Amino acid sequence: MNDFLEKHFKHMRLEPGLFYEWPIGLRFELGLGAKKEQYYSGSPYLKGAYRRALTLFEEIYPLDEELWIVMDIHRYSRRVKTGNVRMWKTLVKDHKLLYRLKHTELPYYIPEDDESGNWRTHRWVLPCKPSEIHYHRILTLLIEQDMGFSKANFQSLYFVHPKNETIFHVYDDRGCDLVATSRETIRPLYESFNEWILDYDREAINEVFN
């Protein structure tokens, strides 16, 4: 996984805000019309955000093509919590799939914020196919966790498509990023879901694809 990033996304830091870390990408708006009275699990607002995230995911990832789920856990410790492994069991359809799960300890993902030198980024990578995982559940948890409705602590979770060289990141209920090594790879999504592009970044995105 790290070799893949070094080869295809050289100098890009895998962290929230991928759209601003890489020159070729799309930033989509997920949740629309947020109101405080809709901040509850299963609200129309969150259901709308989930439907958009699901639609984009299924456009990017054919059910039988390999993807990598990359989960970064940032801790003030080198110790690996067994709870992280237990959490993975809720995301896969067959627990035997977890034999593929790989763990790597990395320097903290924001080195300039680690003055003590004690922070670590624990990276978990699971090669799998969408048909082998509960991706509906994963997307729901990603959308709801920042609002306190989910006990999941993904911190930073990314879907990587090694064949198409794309990375998809749902950062919360508000939106998601898709970056790629080629404009043509993600141009169909730019054209099909143009109305979903976040207006704040629309001008920059149009410059890339036009």
N, C-alpha and C. Protein backbone atom coordinates (compact mmCIF):
# COMPACT_ATOMS: atom_id res chain seq x y z
N MET A 1 0.82 -1.20 0.00
CA MET A 1 0.00 0.00 0.00
C MET A 1 0.86 1.26 0.00
N ASN A 2 1.82 1.32 0.89
CA ASN A 2 2.69 2.50 0.95
C ASN A 2 3.50 2.65 -0.33
N ASP A 3 3.91 1.52 -0.93
CA ASP A 3 4.63 1.56 -2.21
C ASP A 3 3.73 2.11 -3.31
N PHE A 4 2.46 1.73 -3.26
CA PHE A 4 1.48 2.22 -4.24
C PHE A 4 1.35 3.74 -4.15
N LEU A 5 1.22 4.24 -2.93
CA LEU A 5 1.10 5.69 -2.74
C LEU A 5 2.35 6.41 -3.22
N GLU A 6 3.50 5.85 -2.90
CA GLU A 6 4.75 6.48 -3.28
C GLU A 6 4.91 6.53 -4.80
N LYS A 7 4.42 5.50 -5.47
CA LYS A 7 4.57 5.43 -6.93
C LYS A 7 3.54 6.31 -7.66
N HIS A 8 2.28 6.24 -7.22
CA HIS A 8 1.22 6.88 -7.98
C HIS A 8 0.75 8.22 -7.40
N PHE A 9 0.92 8.41 -6.10
CA PHE A 9 0.50 9.66 -5.46
C PHE A 9 1.67 10.25 -4.69
N LYS A 10 2.78 10.36 -5.37
CA LYS A 10 4.02 10.81 -4.75
C LYS A 10 3.86 12.20 -4.12
N HIS A 11 4.35 12.31 -2.89
CA HIS A 11 4.34 13.56 -2.12
C HIS A 11 2.95 13.94 -1.61
N MET A 12 1.94 13.14 -1.87
CA MET A 12 0.62 13.43 -1.33
C MET A 12 0.49 12.81 0.05
N ARG A 13 0.05 13.59 1.03
CA ARG A 13 -0.18 13.06 2.36
C ARG A 13 -1.59 12.48 2.42
N LEU A 14 -1.69 11.24 2.87
CA LEU A 14 -3.00 10.60 2.99
C LEU A 14 -3.63 11.11 4.28
N GLU A 15 -4.48 12.11 4.14
CA GLU A 15 -5.10 12.75 5.28
C GLU A 15 -6.38 13.43 4.83
N PRO A 16 -7.29 13.74 5.76
CA PRO A 16 -8.52 14.45 5.38
C PRO A 16 -8.20 15.73 4.61
N GLY A 17 -9.04 16.00 3.62
CA GLY A 17 -8.78 17.13 2.73
C GLY A 17 -7.97 16.70 1.51
N LEU A 18 -8.19 15.46 1.06
CA LEU A 18 -7.44 14.93 -0.09
C LEU A 18 -7.53 15.84 -1.31
N PHE A 19 -8.69 16.44 -1.50
CA PHE A 19 -8.90 17.28 -2.67
C PHE A 19 -7.84 18.38 -2.76
N TYR A 20 -7.43 18.89 -1.62
CA TYR A 20 -6.45 19.98 -1.60
C TYR A 20 -5.01 19.48 -1.59
N GLU A 21 -4.85 18.16 -1.52
CA GLU A 21 -3.51 17.57 -1.50
C GLU A 21 -3.06 17.10 -2.88
N TRP A 22 -3.99 17.07 -3.85
CA TRP A 22 -3.67 16.46 -5.14
C TRP A 22 -4.31 17.28 -6.26
N PRO A 23 -3.64 17.44 -7.41
CA PRO A 23 -4.14 18.32 -8.47
C PRO A 23 -5.34 17.81 -9.24
N ILE A 24 -5.59 16.50 -9.24
CA ILE A 24 -6.72 15.93 -10.00
C ILE A 24 -7.71 15.33 -9.02
N GLY A 25 -8.87 15.96 -8.89
CA GLY A 25 -9.82 15.44 -7.94
C GLY A 25 -11.18 16.10 -8.05
N LEU A 26 -12.13 15.52 -7.33
CA LEU A 26 -13.50 16.02 -7.26
C LEU A 26 -13.89 16.11 -5.79
N ARG A 27 -14.64 17.14 -5.45
CA ARG A 27 -15.18 17.26 -4.09
C ARG A 27 -16.69 17.39 -4.22
N PHE A 28 -17.40 16.39 -3.68
CA PHE A 28 -18.85 16.34 -3.78
C PHE A 28 -19.51 16.73 -2.46
N GLU A 29 -20.63 17.39 -2.58
CA GLU A 29 -21.44 17.72 -1.42
C GLU A 29 -22.40 16.55 -1.16
N LEU A 30 -22.49 16.10 0.08
CA LEU A 30 -23.36 14.99 0.43
C LEU A 30 -24.63 15.47 1.13
N GLY A 31 -24.47 16.07 2.31
CA GLY A 31 -25.64 16.52 3.07
C GLY A 31 -26.13 17.87 2.57
N LEU A 32 -27.47 17.98 2.38
CA LEU A 32 -28.06 19.21 1.88
C LEU A 32 -29.09 19.76 2.87
N GLY A 33 -29.09 21.06 3.05
CA GLY A 33 -30.11 21.70 3.88
C GLY A 33 -30.05 21.30 5.33
N ALA A 34 -28.85 21.26 5.89
CA ALA A 34 -28.71 20.85 7.29
C ALA A 34 -29.39 21.84 8.23
N LYS A 35 -30.21 21.31 9.13
CA LYS A 35 -30.86 22.09 10.17
C LYS A 35 -30.71 21.36 11.49
N LYS A 36 -30.59 22.11 12.56
CA LYS A 36 -30.35 21.49 13.86
C LYS A 36 -31.42 20.47 14.21
N GLU A 37 -32.66 20.72 13.81
CA GLU A 37 -33.73 19.77 14.15
C GLU A 37 -33.60 18.46 13.37
N GLN A 38 -32.69 18.42 12.38
CA GLN A 38 -32.48 17.18 11.62
C GLN A 38 -31.21 16.46 12.06
N TYR A 39 -30.60 16.92 13.13
CA TYR A 39 -29.40 16.27 13.62
C TYR A 39 -29.77 15.11 14.53
N TYR A 40 -30.30 14.05 13.93
CA TYR A 40 -30.57 12.83 14.68
C TYR A 40 -30.38 11.65 13.74
N SER A 41 -30.03 10.51 14.33
CA SER A 41 -29.76 9.32 13.52
C SER A 41 -30.98 8.93 12.70
N GLY A 42 -30.76 8.71 11.41
CA GLY A 42 -31.84 8.32 10.53
C GLY A 42 -32.68 9.47 10.02
N SER A 43 -32.23 10.71 10.23
CA SER A 43 -32.99 11.88 9.77
C SER A 43 -32.98 11.94 8.25
N PRO A 44 -33.94 12.65 7.65
CA PRO A 44 -33.94 12.82 6.18
C PRO A 44 -32.63 13.41 5.68
N TYR A 45 -32.05 14.32 6.45
CA TYR A 45 -30.79 14.94 6.07
C TYR A 45 -29.68 13.89 5.94
N LEU A 46 -29.55 13.04 6.95
CA LEU A 46 -28.50 12.03 6.93
C LEU A 46 -28.79 10.95 5.89
N LYS A 47 -30.06 10.61 5.70
CA LYS A 47 -30.41 9.63 4.67
C LYS A 47 -30.04 10.14 3.29
N GLY A 48 -30.24 11.45 3.07
CA GLY A 48 -29.87 12.04 1.79
C GLY A 48 -28.37 12.00 1.57
N ALA A 49 -27.60 12.29 2.62
CA ALA A 49 -26.14 12.24 2.53
C ALA A 49 -25.69 10.81 2.24
N TYR A 50 -26.31 9.85 2.91
CA TYR A 50 -25.96 8.44 2.71
C TYR A 50 -26.25 8.01 1.27
N ARG A 51 -27.40 8.39 0.74
CA ARG A 51 -27.76 7.98 -0.63
C ARG A 51 -26.75 8.49 -1.64
N ARG A 52 -26.30 9.72 -1.46
CA ARG A 52 -25.30 10.26 -2.39
C ARG A 52 -23.97 9.51 -2.26
N ALA A 53 -23.55 9.26 -1.02
CA ALA A 53 -22.28 8.55 -0.81
C ALA A 53 -22.35 7.15 -1.41
N LEU A 54 -23.48 6.48 -1.21
CA LEU A 54 -23.65 5.13 -1.75
C LEU A 54 -23.64 5.13 -3.27
N THR A 55 -24.32 6.08 -3.87
CA THR A 55 -24.36 6.17 -5.33
C THR A 55 -22.97 6.36 -5.90
N LEU A 56 -22.18 7.25 -5.30
CA LEU A 56 -20.83 7.49 -5.78
C LEU A 56 -19.94 6.27 -5.58
N PHE A 57 -20.05 5.64 -4.42
CA PHE A 57 -19.24 4.45 -4.14
C PHE A 57 -19.50 3.38 -5.19
N GLU A 58 -20.76 3.11 -5.49
CA GLU A 58 -21.10 2.03 -6.42
C GLU A 58 -20.74 2.39 -7.86
N GLU A 59 -20.63 3.68 -8.16
CA GLU A 59 -20.15 4.09 -9.48
C GLU A 59 -18.64 3.87 -9.60
N ILE A 60 -17.92 4.05 -8.50
CA ILE A 60 -16.46 3.96 -8.53
C ILE A 60 -15.99 2.52 -8.44
N TYR A 61 -16.70 1.70 -7.62
CA TYR A 61 -16.20 0.36 -7.30
C TYR A 61 -17.15 -0.73 -7.78
N PRO A 62 -16.83 -1.40 -8.89
CA PRO A 62 -17.59 -2.59 -9.29
C PRO A 62 -17.52 -3.64 -8.18
N LEU A 63 -18.59 -4.38 -7.99
CA LEU A 63 -18.68 -5.30 -6.86
C LEU A 63 -17.58 -6.34 -6.83
N ASP A 64 -17.07 -6.75 -7.99
CA ASP A 64 -16.10 -7.84 -8.03
C ASP A 64 -14.68 -7.40 -8.37
N GLU A 65 -14.40 -6.11 -8.27
CA GLU A 65 -13.04 -5.63 -8.47
C GLU A 65 -12.39 -5.33 -7.13
N GLU A 66 -11.09 -5.59 -7.04
CA GLU A 66 -10.40 -5.40 -5.77
C GLU A 66 -10.29 -3.91 -5.41
N LEU A 67 -10.51 -3.66 -4.14
CA LEU A 67 -10.21 -2.35 -3.57
C LEU A 67 -9.46 -2.58 -2.27
N TRP A 68 -8.88 -1.52 -1.75
CA TRP A 68 -8.22 -1.58 -0.46
C TRP A 68 -8.93 -0.61 0.48
N ILE A 69 -9.29 -1.11 1.64
CA ILE A 69 -9.77 -0.22 2.69
C ILE A 69 -8.57 0.15 3.55
N VAL A 70 -8.32 1.43 3.66
CA VAL A 70 -7.18 1.91 4.44
C VAL A 70 -7.72 2.71 5.62
N MET A 71 -7.39 2.27 6.82
CA MET A 71 -7.84 2.94 8.02
C MET A 71 -6.63 3.38 8.84
N ASP A 72 -6.53 4.68 9.09
CA ASP A 72 -5.45 5.22 9.91
C ASP A 72 -5.98 5.57 11.29
N ILE A 73 -5.34 5.01 12.31
CA ILE A 73 -5.68 5.32 13.69
C ILE A 73 -4.50 6.07 14.29
N HIS A 74 -4.75 7.25 14.80
CA HIS A 74 -3.67 8.08 15.34
C HIS A 74 -3.71 8.01 16.87
N ARG A 75 -2.60 7.56 17.46
CA ARG A 75 -2.58 7.34 18.91
C ARG A 75 -1.29 7.86 19.53
N TYR A 76 -1.41 8.26 20.80
CA TYR A 76 -0.23 8.69 21.56
C TYR A 76 0.41 7.46 22.19
N SER A 77 0.74 6.50 21.33
CA SER A 77 1.26 5.23 21.81
C SER A 77 1.65 4.37 20.63
N ARG A 78 2.58 3.44 20.87
CA ARG A 78 2.91 2.46 19.84
C ARG A 78 2.08 1.19 20.01
N ARG A 79 1.32 1.14 21.07
CA ARG A 79 0.54 -0.05 21.37
C ARG A 79 -0.66 -0.15 20.42
N VAL A 80 -0.91 -1.33 19.91
CA VAL A 80 -2.03 -1.58 19.02
C VAL A 80 -3.19 -2.12 19.84
N LYS A 81 -4.33 -1.46 19.77
CA LYS A 81 -5.50 -1.91 20.52
C LYS A 81 -6.17 -3.09 19.83
N THR A 82 -6.48 -4.12 20.60
CA THR A 82 -7.19 -5.27 20.02
C THR A 82 -8.58 -4.88 19.58
N GLY A 83 -9.12 -3.81 20.16
CA GLY A 83 -10.45 -3.36 19.78
C GLY A 83 -10.52 -2.95 18.32
N ASN A 84 -9.40 -2.52 17.77
CA ASN A 84 -9.38 -2.16 16.35
C ASN A 84 -9.68 -3.38 15.49
N VAL A 85 -9.15 -4.53 15.88
CA VAL A 85 -9.41 -5.75 15.12
C VAL A 85 -10.86 -6.16 15.28
N ARG A 86 -11.40 -6.06 16.48
CA ARG A 86 -12.81 -6.41 16.71
C ARG A 86 -13.73 -5.54 15.86
N MET A 87 -13.37 -4.28 15.70
CA MET A 87 -14.19 -3.39 14.89
C MET A 87 -14.23 -3.86 13.44
N TRP A 88 -13.09 -4.33 12.93
CA TRP A 88 -13.05 -4.81 11.55
C TRP A 88 -14.02 -5.97 11.34
N LYS A 89 -14.25 -6.78 12.36
CA LYS A 89 -15.12 -7.94 12.22
C LYS A 89 -16.55 -7.53 11.88
N THR A 90 -16.94 -6.33 12.27
CA THR A 90 -18.30 -5.86 11.98
C THR A 90 -18.43 -5.34 10.56
N LEU A 91 -17.33 -5.21 9.86
CA LEU A 91 -17.35 -4.59 8.53
C LEU A 91 -17.26 -5.59 7.39
N VAL A 92 -16.90 -6.85 7.71
CA VAL A 92 -16.73 -7.86 6.67
C VAL A 92 -17.81 -8.93 6.80
N LYS A 93 -18.13 -9.58 5.69
CA LYS A 93 -19.16 -10.61 5.69
C LYS A 93 -18.63 -11.95 6.19
N ASP A 94 -17.35 -12.19 6.00
CA ASP A 94 -16.71 -13.43 6.44
C ASP A 94 -15.45 -13.07 7.21
N HIS A 95 -15.38 -13.48 8.48
CA HIS A 95 -14.24 -13.11 9.31
C HIS A 95 -12.91 -13.65 8.79
N LYS A 96 -12.96 -14.69 7.95
CA LYS A 96 -11.73 -15.23 7.38
C LYS A 96 -11.03 -14.19 6.50
N LEU A 97 -11.80 -13.24 6.03
CA LEU A 97 -11.23 -12.18 5.19
C LEU A 97 -10.17 -11.39 5.96
N LEU A 98 -10.28 -11.38 7.28
CA LEU A 98 -9.36 -10.58 8.09
C LEU A 98 -7.95 -11.16 8.14
N TYR A 99 -7.76 -12.36 7.61
CA TYR A 99 -6.40 -12.89 7.49
C TYR A 99 -5.58 -12.04 6.51
N ARG A 100 -6.26 -11.29 5.67
CA ARG A 100 -5.57 -10.42 4.73
C ARG A 100 -5.20 -9.07 5.35
N LEU A 101 -5.76 -8.79 6.51
CA LEU A 101 -5.57 -7.48 7.14
C LEU A 101 -4.11 -7.27 7.52
N LYS A 102 -3.58 -6.13 7.13
CA LYS A 102 -2.17 -5.82 7.41
C LYS A 102 -2.07 -4.54 8.23
N HIS A 103 -1.15 -4.56 9.19
CA HIS A 103 -0.94 -3.41 10.05
C HIS A 103 0.47 -2.88 9.89
N THR A 104 0.60 -1.56 9.80
CA THR A 104 1.90 -0.91 9.72
C THR A 104 1.91 0.28 10.67
N GLU A 105 3.00 0.42 11.39
CA GLU A 105 3.16 1.60 12.24
C GLU A 105 3.96 2.65 11.47
N LEU A 106 3.43 3.86 11.41
CA LEU A 106 4.06 4.94 10.67
C LEU A 106 4.30 6.13 11.58
N PRO A 107 5.19 7.03 11.18
CA PRO A 107 5.31 8.28 11.92
C PRO A 107 3.96 9.01 11.89
N TYR A 108 3.74 9.86 12.87
CA TYR A 108 2.48 10.59 12.93
C TYR A 108 2.24 11.34 11.63
N TYR A 109 0.98 11.33 11.16
CA TYR A 109 0.68 11.84 9.82
C TYR A 109 0.87 13.35 9.69
N ILE A 110 0.91 14.07 10.83
CA ILE A 110 1.24 15.49 10.80
C ILE A 110 2.49 15.68 11.65
N PRO A 111 3.66 15.43 11.10
CA PRO A 111 4.90 15.43 11.89
C PRO A 111 5.17 16.75 12.60
N GLU A 112 4.75 17.86 12.00
CA GLU A 112 5.02 19.15 12.64
C GLU A 112 4.21 19.35 13.91
N ASP A 113 3.16 18.53 14.11
CA ASP A 113 2.36 18.62 15.34
C ASP A 113 2.80 17.63 16.41
N ASP A 114 3.84 16.86 16.12
CA ASP A 114 4.30 15.83 17.05
C ASP A 114 5.62 16.26 17.69
N GLU A 115 5.55 17.30 18.50
CA GLU A 115 6.77 17.81 19.11
C GLU A 115 7.40 16.82 20.09
N SER A 116 6.56 16.01 20.75
CA SER A 116 7.08 15.05 21.72
C SER A 116 7.68 13.83 21.05
N GLY A 117 7.28 13.55 19.81
CA GLY A 117 7.76 12.37 19.11
C GLY A 117 7.10 11.09 19.55
N ASN A 118 6.01 11.19 20.31
CA ASN A 118 5.35 10.00 20.85
C ASN A 118 4.11 9.58 20.07
N TRP A 119 3.62 10.44 19.20
CA TRP A 119 2.43 10.08 18.43
C TRP A 119 2.80 9.11 17.32
N ARG A 120 1.87 8.21 17.02
CA ARG A 120 2.04 7.23 15.95
C ARG A 120 0.77 7.12 15.13
N THR A 121 0.94 6.84 13.85
CA THR A 121 -0.19 6.51 12.99
C THR A 121 -0.15 5.02 12.72
N HIS A 122 -1.21 4.33 13.15
CA HIS A 122 -1.32 2.89 12.91
C HIS A 122 -2.20 2.69 11.67
N ARG A 123 -1.60 2.17 10.63
CA ARG A 123 -2.32 2.00 9.37
C ARG A 123 -2.74 0.55 9.18
N TRP A 124 -4.04 0.37 8.96
CA TRP A 124 -4.61 -0.95 8.67
C TRP A 124 -5.05 -0.97 7.22
N VAL A 125 -4.68 -2.02 6.50
CA VAL A 125 -5.05 -2.13 5.08
C VAL A 125 -5.70 -3.49 4.86
N LEU A 126 -6.90 -3.47 4.26
CA LEU A 126 -7.60 -4.72 3.95
C LEU A 126 -7.89 -4.79 2.46
N PRO A 127 -7.20 -5.69 1.71
CA PRO A 127 -7.55 -5.93 0.31
C PRO A 127 -8.85 -6.74 0.27
N CYS A 128 -9.80 -6.31 -0.52
CA CYS A 128 -11.10 -7.01 -0.56
C CYS A 128 -11.86 -6.57 -1.80
N LYS A 129 -13.06 -7.10 -1.94
CA LYS A 129 -13.99 -6.67 -2.99
C LYS A 129 -15.22 -6.08 -2.30
N PRO A 130 -15.89 -5.14 -2.93
CA PRO A 130 -17.09 -4.59 -2.31
C PRO A 130 -18.11 -5.66 -1.94
N SER A 131 -18.16 -6.72 -2.74
CA SER A 131 -19.12 -7.79 -2.47
C SER A 131 -18.79 -8.55 -1.18
N GLU A 132 -17.58 -8.36 -0.64
CA GLU A 132 -17.16 -9.10 0.55
C GLU A 132 -17.31 -8.29 1.84
N ILE A 133 -17.71 -7.04 1.71
CA ILE A 133 -17.78 -6.18 2.89
C ILE A 133 -19.17 -5.56 3.02
N HIS A 134 -19.45 -5.07 4.21
CA HIS A 134 -20.70 -4.35 4.45
C HIS A 134 -20.47 -2.87 4.16
N TYR A 135 -20.33 -2.54 2.89
CA TYR A 135 -19.98 -1.16 2.57
C TYR A 135 -21.11 -0.19 2.88
N HIS A 136 -22.36 -0.67 2.84
CA HIS A 136 -23.48 0.19 3.24
C HIS A 136 -23.29 0.64 4.69
N ARG A 137 -22.91 -0.31 5.54
CA ARG A 137 -22.70 0.01 6.96
C ARG A 137 -21.52 0.96 7.14
N ILE A 138 -20.44 0.71 6.41
CA ILE A 138 -19.26 1.56 6.54
C ILE A 138 -19.60 3.00 6.18
N LEU A 139 -20.32 3.20 5.08
CA LEU A 139 -20.68 4.55 4.66
C LEU A 139 -21.59 5.22 5.67
N THR A 140 -22.52 4.47 6.24
CA THR A 140 -23.40 5.03 7.26
C THR A 140 -22.59 5.48 8.48
N LEU A 141 -21.66 4.65 8.91
CA LEU A 141 -20.84 4.99 10.07
C LEU A 141 -19.97 6.21 9.80
N LEU A 142 -19.43 6.29 8.59
CA LEU A 142 -18.59 7.44 8.24
C LEU A 142 -19.39 8.74 8.29
N ILE A 143 -20.62 8.69 7.81
CA ILE A 143 -21.45 9.87 7.77
C ILE A 143 -21.93 10.28 9.16
N GLU A 144 -22.17 9.30 10.02
CA GLU A 144 -22.77 9.60 11.32
C GLU A 144 -21.76 9.79 12.44
N GLN A 145 -20.52 9.33 12.29
CA GLN A 145 -19.63 9.29 13.45
C GLN A 145 -19.29 10.68 13.99
N ASP A 146 -19.10 11.66 13.13
CA ASP A 146 -18.76 13.00 13.61
C ASP A 146 -19.91 13.67 14.34
N MET A 147 -21.11 13.15 14.16
CA MET A 147 -22.28 13.74 14.81
C MET A 147 -22.59 13.04 16.13
N GLY A 148 -21.76 12.04 16.46
CA GLY A 148 -21.92 11.36 17.73
C GLY A 148 -22.95 10.25 17.74
N PHE A 149 -23.46 9.87 16.55
CA PHE A 149 -24.47 8.82 16.49
C PHE A 149 -23.87 7.44 16.30
N SER A 150 -22.57 7.40 16.07
CA SER A 150 -21.89 6.14 15.83
C SER A 150 -20.75 5.97 16.83
N LYS A 151 -20.59 4.77 17.36
CA LYS A 151 -19.50 4.48 18.28
C LYS A 151 -18.20 4.16 17.55
N ALA A 152 -18.28 4.05 16.24
CA ALA A 152 -17.09 3.75 15.45
C ALA A 152 -16.10 4.89 15.57
N ASN A 153 -14.83 4.54 15.54
CA ASN A 153 -13.78 5.55 15.60
C ASN A 153 -12.81 5.31 14.45
N PHE A 154 -13.30 5.55 13.23
CA PHE A 154 -12.48 5.31 12.06
C PHE A 154 -11.35 6.33 11.94
N GLN A 155 -11.60 7.53 12.48
CA GLN A 155 -10.66 8.64 12.36
C GLN A 155 -10.41 8.98 10.90
N SER A 156 -9.66 8.16 10.18
CA SER A 156 -9.42 8.42 8.77
C SER A 156 -9.54 7.10 8.00
N LEU A 157 -10.55 7.00 7.14
CA LEU A 157 -10.77 5.78 6.36
C LEU A 157 -10.86 6.15 4.89
N TYR A 158 -10.13 5.39 4.07
CA TYR A 158 -10.07 5.66 2.64
C TYR A 158 -10.32 4.38 1.86
N PHE A 159 -10.99 4.53 0.71
CA PHE A 159 -11.16 3.42 -0.23
C PHE A 159 -10.20 3.67 -1.40
N VAL A 160 -9.34 2.71 -1.66
CA VAL A 160 -8.35 2.86 -2.72
C VAL A 160 -8.63 1.83 -3.82
N HIS A 161 -8.67 2.29 -5.05
CA HIS A 161 -8.86 1.39 -6.20
C HIS A 161 -7.51 1.27 -6.90
N PRO A 162 -6.77 0.18 -6.66
CA PRO A 162 -5.42 0.07 -7.23
C PRO A 162 -5.41 0.01 -8.75
N LYS A 163 -6.45 -0.57 -9.35
CA LYS A 163 -6.48 -0.70 -10.81
C LYS A 163 -6.68 0.66 -11.47
N ASN A 164 -7.63 1.43 -10.98
CA ASN A 164 -7.93 2.73 -11.58
C ASN A 164 -7.14 3.88 -10.96
N GLU A 165 -6.40 3.56 -9.92
CA GLU A 165 -5.55 4.55 -9.24
C GLU A 165 -6.37 5.75 -8.76
N THR A 166 -7.37 5.43 -7.96
CA THR A 166 -8.22 6.46 -7.36
C THR A 166 -8.30 6.23 -5.85
N ILE A 167 -8.60 7.30 -5.12
CA ILE A 167 -8.80 7.23 -3.68
C ILE A 167 -10.08 8.00 -3.35
N PHE A 168 -10.95 7.37 -2.59
CA PHE A 168 -12.26 7.94 -2.24
C PHE A 168 -12.32 8.10 -0.73
N HIS A 169 -12.70 9.30 -0.28
CA HIS A 169 -12.73 9.57 1.16
C HIS A 169 -14.00 10.34 1.52
N VAL A 170 -14.85 9.70 2.31
CA VAL A 170 -16.02 10.39 2.88
C VAL A 170 -15.57 11.01 4.19
N TYR A 171 -15.44 12.34 4.21
CA TYR A 171 -14.87 12.95 5.42
C TYR A 171 -15.91 13.17 6.51
N ASP A 172 -17.15 13.36 6.18
CA ASP A 172 -18.25 13.37 7.15
C ASP A 172 -19.55 13.55 6.38
N ASP A 173 -20.62 13.93 7.08
CA ASP A 173 -21.93 14.06 6.44
C ASP A 173 -21.97 15.16 5.39
N ARG A 174 -21.01 16.08 5.44
CA ARG A 174 -21.05 17.21 4.51
C ARG A 174 -20.55 16.87 3.12
N GLY A 175 -19.55 15.98 3.01
CA GLY A 175 -19.03 15.73 1.68
C GLY A 175 -17.98 14.66 1.59
N CYS A 176 -17.41 14.50 0.39
CA CYS A 176 -16.42 13.47 0.13
C CYS A 176 -15.48 13.93 -0.97
N ASP A 177 -14.31 13.32 -1.00
CA ASP A 177 -13.28 13.63 -2.00
C ASP A 177 -12.97 12.39 -2.83
N LEU A 178 -12.69 12.61 -4.09
CA LEU A 178 -12.22 11.56 -4.99
C LEU A 178 -11.03 12.11 -5.76
N VAL A 179 -9.87 11.48 -5.60
CA VAL A 179 -8.69 11.92 -6.33
C VAL A 179 -8.21 10.79 -7.23
N ALA A 180 -7.51 11.16 -8.30
CA ALA A 180 -7.08 10.16 -9.29
C ALA A 180 -5.79 10.61 -9.94
N THR A 181 -5.09 9.66 -10.55
CA THR A 181 -3.86 10.00 -11.26
C THR A 181 -4.15 10.50 -12.68
N SER A 182 -5.38 10.26 -13.16
CA SER A 182 -5.77 10.68 -14.52
C SER A 182 -7.13 11.35 -14.49
N ARG A 183 -7.25 12.47 -15.19
CA ARG A 183 -8.54 13.15 -15.29
C ARG A 183 -9.58 12.26 -15.96
N GLU A 184 -9.14 11.51 -16.99
CA GLU A 184 -10.10 10.72 -17.76
C GLU A 184 -10.73 9.61 -16.94
N THR A 185 -10.02 9.14 -15.93
CA THR A 185 -10.56 8.07 -15.09
C THR A 185 -11.82 8.52 -14.36
N ILE A 186 -11.83 9.76 -13.89
CA ILE A 186 -12.97 10.23 -13.09
C ILE A 186 -13.83 11.25 -13.85
N ARG A 187 -13.52 11.48 -15.11
CA ARG A 187 -14.34 12.41 -15.90
C ARG A 187 -15.81 11.97 -15.96
N PRO A 188 -16.11 10.66 -16.10
CA PRO A 188 -17.53 10.26 -16.12
C PRO A 188 -18.29 10.71 -14.87
N LEU A 189 -17.64 10.70 -13.71
CA LEU A 189 -18.32 11.17 -12.50
C LEU A 189 -18.46 12.68 -12.50
N TYR A 190 -17.46 13.37 -13.03
CA TYR A 190 -17.54 14.83 -13.16
C TYR A 190 -18.74 15.21 -14.03
N GLU A 191 -18.98 14.45 -15.08
CA GLU A 191 -20.07 14.77 -15.99
C GLU A 191 -21.42 14.29 -15.46
N SER A 192 -21.47 13.09 -14.90
CA SER A 192 -22.75 12.53 -14.46
C SER A 192 -23.28 13.15 -13.17
N PHE A 193 -22.35 13.57 -12.29
CA PHE A 193 -22.77 14.09 -10.99
C PHE A 193 -22.28 15.53 -10.79
N ASN A 194 -22.29 16.27 -11.88
CA ASN A 194 -21.77 17.63 -11.84
C ASN A 194 -22.55 18.51 -10.86
N GLU A 195 -23.84 18.27 -10.76
CA GLU A 195 -24.67 19.08 -9.86
C GLU A 195 -24.31 18.86 -8.40
N TRP A 196 -23.66 17.74 -8.10
CA TRP A 196 -23.30 17.43 -6.72
C TRP A 196 -21.97 18.05 -6.31
N ILE A 197 -21.22 18.59 -7.24
CA ILE A 197 -19.91 19.18 -6.92
C ILE A 197 -20.11 20.34 -5.96
N LEU A 198 -19.27 20.41 -4.96
CA LEU A 198 -19.34 21.49 -3.98
C LEU A 198 -19.07 22.82 -4.68
N ASP A 199 -20.00 23.74 -4.58
CA ASP A 199 -19.89 25.02 -5.29
C ASP A 199 -18.62 25.78 -4.91
N TYR A 200 -18.21 25.66 -3.67
CA TYR A 200 -17.02 26.40 -3.21
C TYR A 200 -15.79 26.05 -4.05
N ASP A 201 -15.71 24.78 -4.51
CA ASP A 201 -14.54 24.33 -5.27
C ASP A 201 -14.84 24.12 -6.75
N ARG A 202 -16.03 24.51 -7.18
CA ARG A 202 -16.44 24.23 -8.56
C ARG A 202 -15.53 24.87 -9.59
N GLU A 203 -15.15 26.11 -9.37
CA GLU A 203 -14.32 26.80 -10.37
C GLU A 203 -12.98 26.09 -10.55
N ALA A 204 -12.35 25.68 -9.45
CA ALA A 204 -11.06 24.99 -9.53
C ALA A 204 -11.22 23.64 -10.25
N ILE A 205 -12.32 22.95 -9.96
CA ILE A 205 -12.55 21.65 -10.59
C ILE A 205 -12.81 21.81 -12.08
N ASN A 206 -13.59 22.80 -12.45
CA ASN A 206 -13.86 23.05 -13.88
C ASN A 206 -12.58 23.33 -14.65
N GLU A 207 -11.66 24.03 -14.04
CA GLU A 207 -10.39 24.34 -14.70
C GLU A 207 -9.61 23.06 -15.01
N VAL A 208 -9.71 22.09 -14.14
CA VAL A 208 -8.99 20.82 -14.35
C VAL A 208 -9.62 20.02 -15.49
N PHE A 209 -10.96 19.99 -15.54
CA PHE A 209 -11.63 19.10 -16.48
C PHE A 209 -12.02 19.77 -17.79
N ASN A 210 -11.86 21.07 -17.86
CA ASN A 210 -12.16 21.76 -19.12
C ASN A 210 -10.90 22.28 -19.76
